[in-house]
Amino acid sequence: MEILACPICKGSLEYIRDKNILVCRKCNIFFEIREGIPILLPDTGKPLKE
């Protein structure tokens, strides 16, 4: 997980275990992890609603 980066800003991603997502705090978006595979395509990021 340490080598993964946001595909938009290249910033670090934070793993949220209970929701099984990766969050970019800079872009304020999250990426889903499906069947253990992070979906890190730029157009798959969803707005983070806290």
N, C-alpha and C. Protein backbone atom coordinates (compact mmCIF):
# COMPACT_ATOMS: atom_id res chain seq x y z
N MET A 1 0.82 -1.21 0.00
CA MET A 1 0.00 0.00 0.00
C MET A 1 0.86 1.27 0.00
N GLU A 2 2.08 1.16 0.50
CA GLU A 2 2.93 2.36 0.59
C GLU A 2 3.30 2.91 -0.79
N ILE A 3 3.31 2.05 -1.81
CA ILE A 3 3.75 2.52 -3.13
C ILE A 3 2.61 3.08 -3.97
N LEU A 4 1.38 2.95 -3.51
CA LEU A 4 0.24 3.46 -4.27
C LEU A 4 0.16 4.98 -4.14
N ALA A 5 -0.23 5.62 -5.24
CA ALA A 5 -0.37 7.09 -5.25
C ALA A 5 -1.64 7.46 -5.98
N CYS A 6 -2.15 8.62 -5.68
CA CYS A 6 -3.34 9.14 -6.36
C CYS A 6 -3.00 9.31 -7.85
N PRO A 7 -3.85 8.80 -8.74
CA PRO A 7 -3.57 8.93 -10.17
C PRO A 7 -3.75 10.35 -10.70
N ILE A 8 -4.34 11.22 -9.91
CA ILE A 8 -4.59 12.60 -10.35
C ILE A 8 -3.46 13.53 -9.90
N CYS A 9 -3.18 13.56 -8.59
CA CYS A 9 -2.19 14.50 -8.07
C CYS A 9 -0.87 13.83 -7.68
N LYS A 10 -0.83 12.51 -7.73
CA LYS A 10 0.35 11.71 -7.35
C LYS A 10 0.65 11.79 -5.86
N GLY A 11 -0.31 12.26 -5.08
CA GLY A 11 -0.16 12.33 -3.63
C GLY A 11 -0.39 10.98 -2.97
N SER A 12 -0.19 10.93 -1.68
CA SER A 12 -0.35 9.67 -0.95
C SER A 12 -1.84 9.35 -0.76
N LEU A 13 -2.10 8.07 -0.60
CA LEU A 13 -3.46 7.58 -0.38
C LEU A 13 -3.56 6.99 1.02
N GLU A 14 -4.68 7.21 1.65
CA GLU A 14 -4.94 6.68 2.99
C GLU A 14 -5.95 5.54 2.88
N TYR A 15 -5.61 4.38 3.45
CA TYR A 15 -6.50 3.23 3.41
C TYR A 15 -7.49 3.32 4.56
N ILE A 16 -8.78 3.28 4.24
CA ILE A 16 -9.85 3.27 5.24
C ILE A 16 -10.40 1.84 5.29
N ARG A 17 -9.96 1.11 6.30
CA ARG A 17 -10.24 -0.32 6.39
C ARG A 17 -11.73 -0.65 6.47
N ASP A 18 -12.49 0.07 7.30
CA ASP A 18 -13.90 -0.29 7.49
C ASP A 18 -14.75 -0.05 6.25
N LYS A 19 -14.32 0.84 5.35
CA LYS A 19 -15.06 1.10 4.10
C LYS A 19 -14.38 0.47 2.89
N ASN A 20 -13.17 -0.06 3.09
CA ASN A 20 -12.39 -0.70 2.03
C ASN A 20 -12.19 0.24 0.84
N ILE A 21 -11.69 1.44 1.14
CA ILE A 21 -11.43 2.44 0.12
C ILE A 21 -10.06 3.08 0.34
N LEU A 22 -9.56 3.73 -0.70
CA LEU A 22 -8.35 4.54 -0.61
C LEU A 22 -8.74 5.99 -0.80
N VAL A 23 -8.28 6.86 0.10
CA VAL A 23 -8.68 8.26 0.09
C VAL A 23 -7.49 9.16 -0.22
N CYS A 24 -7.69 10.12 -1.12
CA CYS A 24 -6.72 11.17 -1.37
C CYS A 24 -7.26 12.44 -0.71
N ARG A 25 -6.59 12.89 0.33
CA ARG A 25 -7.05 14.09 1.06
C ARG A 25 -6.80 15.36 0.25
N LYS A 26 -5.78 15.38 -0.60
CA LYS A 26 -5.50 16.56 -1.43
C LYS A 26 -6.63 16.82 -2.42
N CYS A 27 -7.05 15.76 -3.11
CA CYS A 27 -8.10 15.88 -4.13
C CYS A 27 -9.51 15.75 -3.55
N ASN A 28 -9.59 15.28 -2.29
CA ASN A 28 -10.87 15.07 -1.61
C ASN A 28 -11.75 14.06 -2.36
N ILE A 29 -11.10 12.97 -2.80
CA ILE A 29 -11.81 11.89 -3.49
C ILE A 29 -11.39 10.55 -2.90
N PHE A 30 -12.16 9.50 -3.25
CA PHE A 30 -11.80 8.16 -2.83
C PHE A 30 -11.90 7.20 -4.00
N PHE A 31 -11.18 6.10 -3.87
CA PHE A 31 -11.15 5.05 -4.88
C PHE A 31 -11.55 3.75 -4.21
N GLU A 32 -12.38 2.97 -4.90
CA GLU A 32 -12.84 1.70 -4.35
C GLU A 32 -11.78 0.62 -4.51
N ILE A 33 -11.87 -0.38 -3.65
CA ILE A 33 -11.05 -1.58 -3.77
C ILE A 33 -12.04 -2.71 -4.00
N ARG A 34 -11.94 -3.35 -5.16
CA ARG A 34 -12.86 -4.44 -5.51
C ARG A 34 -12.10 -5.75 -5.60
N GLU A 35 -12.56 -6.73 -4.86
CA GLU A 35 -11.94 -8.06 -4.82
C GLU A 35 -10.45 -7.96 -4.56
N GLY A 36 -10.06 -7.03 -3.69
CA GLY A 36 -8.68 -6.86 -3.30
C GLY A 36 -7.83 -6.04 -4.26
N ILE A 37 -8.44 -5.50 -5.31
CA ILE A 37 -7.71 -4.73 -6.32
C ILE A 37 -8.14 -3.26 -6.27
N PRO A 38 -7.20 -2.35 -5.99
CA PRO A 38 -7.54 -0.92 -6.01
C PRO A 38 -7.85 -0.46 -7.43
N ILE A 39 -8.95 0.23 -7.61
CA ILE A 39 -9.35 0.75 -8.91
C ILE A 39 -8.86 2.21 -8.97
N LEU A 40 -7.67 2.40 -9.54
CA LEU A 40 -7.02 3.71 -9.50
C LEU A 40 -6.96 4.38 -10.86
N LEU A 41 -8.03 4.34 -11.60
CA LEU A 41 -8.13 5.10 -12.84
C LEU A 41 -8.63 6.49 -12.50
N PRO A 42 -8.08 7.53 -13.13
CA PRO A 42 -8.46 8.91 -12.78
C PRO A 42 -9.97 9.16 -12.82
N ASP A 43 -10.68 8.56 -13.76
CA ASP A 43 -12.12 8.83 -13.87
C ASP A 43 -12.98 7.99 -12.91
N THR A 44 -12.35 7.12 -12.09
CA THR A 44 -13.13 6.32 -11.14
C THR A 44 -13.17 6.92 -9.74
N GLY A 45 -12.44 8.00 -9.52
CA GLY A 45 -12.46 8.67 -8.23
C GLY A 45 -13.82 9.28 -7.95
N LYS A 46 -14.28 9.13 -6.72
CA LYS A 46 -15.58 9.66 -6.32
C LYS A 46 -15.39 10.71 -5.23
N PRO A 47 -16.23 11.74 -5.21
CA PRO A 47 -16.10 12.80 -4.20
C PRO A 47 -16.24 12.23 -2.79
N LEU A 48 -15.39 12.71 -1.92
CA LEU A 48 -15.41 12.29 -0.53
C LEU A 48 -16.42 13.12 0.23
N LYS A 49 -17.39 12.44 0.84
CA LYS A 49 -18.40 13.12 1.66
C LYS A 49 -18.17 12.68 3.09
N GLU A 50 -17.71 13.59 3.92
CA GLU A 50 -17.37 13.23 5.30
C GLU A 50 -18.48 13.50 6.25
